[in-house]
Amino acid sequence: MSKPGLALLKVSLSQSFDFRKKDKIKNVSMLVPIILIFIGGCLLASIYSFFFSFILLDSKNGEQLHKVLYAMAGIASLLGIVTGFTKVKGTLFGGNDYDMLASLPIPKRNIIFVKLFSLYLIQFFYTAIFVLPATGIVAFMGKQPLWLLDGLLLLILSPVFPLFIAGSLGILIGLISDRFRFGNVITVLFYIVFLMAIMYSSFLMNSGGGTEEYDIIGLLRLLSIMGWINPFSKLLTLEMIGINQALYIVSTLILLTGMIYLFARCYDYFHVLMTSTRTSIKYVQKMQKRRGQFKALFFLDVKRYFTSKMYLLNTITGGIMCILVTAIMFFSFKTVKDPEAMTIFKEIAPYMVLIVVWCVGMAVPSAVSINMEGKTMWQIKTLPISYKQYALSKVLLSYLVLAPFVLISSILLTIFTGFTLASAIVNFILPQVYILSMSLLGLLVNSYFYKLKWSNETEAVKNSSGMLISMVLDFAYTGILCVLLLVPGLLGFYLLGAIVAILFVIGMAILFYILVLKLSVSSIEHIEC
């Protein structure tokens, strides 16, 4: 890399990781969610890694433990692909710094390398969440120190493949979706189709068979398929100690070099295509119908939500994750018939709904809905708009966006745990009321901790104190539900715990509704533009 390229990389890293800035609140709002997500993700990855490893050891298949490590790297790659392709346009080809960079004496390949490195850090974050716990657990339980080396290589180099796939998909989806007024819907559809493909392949893989031998074979097949999500990791399975690691390193570096060269060659072309807009010369006269104030406000919020990629994707990820976690849990354990393992899992299965509500409550749209008004907030302040209807419109949007995802998760959980009165109450009623209460709580927080002066939507959505506070409150809220549900359940009164948890969530929803009408409406009224 040339000296100007190294200087550009240094500037990029200092902008992303210089925490000596005077704005301490902004630093905290960036760091705390990252730390919480990392801790929660590592905990979940540790549970899955330990469970898979325990089953393999119990079935005398300890030599296959390395497949758990490659499977967790595959899950990290899958998550990196799903979340990474949406950032390609803004980071690689659609940045507002293009004119400045193009005028500097820096080769295009250096510019692409710096931009890809920022995307690599995102992929590295997801990889660390899954690979670090899996490496430690697999190496310890399998008593194979050499697997630590494989884990280190996967940690550093496995993000390259999902980065390439995310970059290619991001370009394709960006070129298609940017040609439509509501093109972001295409991005969401891609999420859903991708998720359905995962669920369908898992169903096909786990269908059939009934013996314990088949169950172990099915589990090994599951781990193998998860590992194939990042096919380069299969090079590490070759029985050539030293040579397999060398092949993995060389092949991954070749892919990285080719990706940089390809994107650099197409840099100007993709930049023009992904930043240009197509004008329309066709005018269609539509009959204008007078809408009520609430309906007008609601459809305005809907339009803003589905035309803002950052707003949509960063607040819908919790819903997607709750389906993904439930689907993996549902289909993965269909192959496990070991009596001891199934007994343990059946005991904890009724409490899996707590993971669903935690995931879906982490980033409710209402927690940043006032932020999205931005510099146009003066219109809300000057027009004769009811602040009560303005607030309830944002709560309704937040609830309707997340409710379908939770409903799908609830159906899967109920099928898996078996339909009973207690499971119906916990799996269907509890999550829906929880979303409503979190949507009310998110708006309550955002009405006091808002940010209207922002230059890009990342500041309004990701670097928002409202999102941070609501995320922390989601942790506390879920923790209380854990106590209310777990304590009676462990004492043999699960139905009682379910009823108490439901009544608590309903009570909190009513309380938050009253607070929104009294405090949020008053706070919105006193917002100064």
Foldseek 3Di string as FASTA:
>chain_A
DDPVLVVVLVVLCCVVPVCPDPPVLLVCLQPVVLVVCLVVLLVVLLVVLLLLCVVCVVVVNLVLSLLSLLLLLLVLLVVLLLPLLQCQCCQQQADPCVVVVVPDPDALLSSNVSSLVVSLVVSLSSNCSNLVSNQVNSCVSSVPVVSVVLSVCSSNQLSLVSSLNSNVVSLVLLLPLLQDQLSLVVSVVVLVVVLVVVLVVLCVLQDDDDDQVVLNVSLSVSSVVSSCSRVLSVLVVDPDPPVSSVSSVVVSVVSNVVSSVVCSVCRVVSNCSNNDYDDDPDDDDDDDDDDDQLVVLLVVLVSLQSNDNVLPCVLCVLLSVLLNVLSCVLSSCSSHDDVVSVVVCLLCLLVCVLVSLLSNQLHQSLLLSVQSCAPVLVVVQPDPHQLLSNLVSQLVVRLVSRVVSLVSSLVSSCVRNDDDPLSCLSSRQLSSLSSSLSSLVSNLLCLVFYHRHDDDCCCSGSSGVSSVVSNVVSVVLSVVLCCLQVPCVVVPNNSNSSVVSSVVSNVSSVVSSVCCVPPSSVSSNPDDD
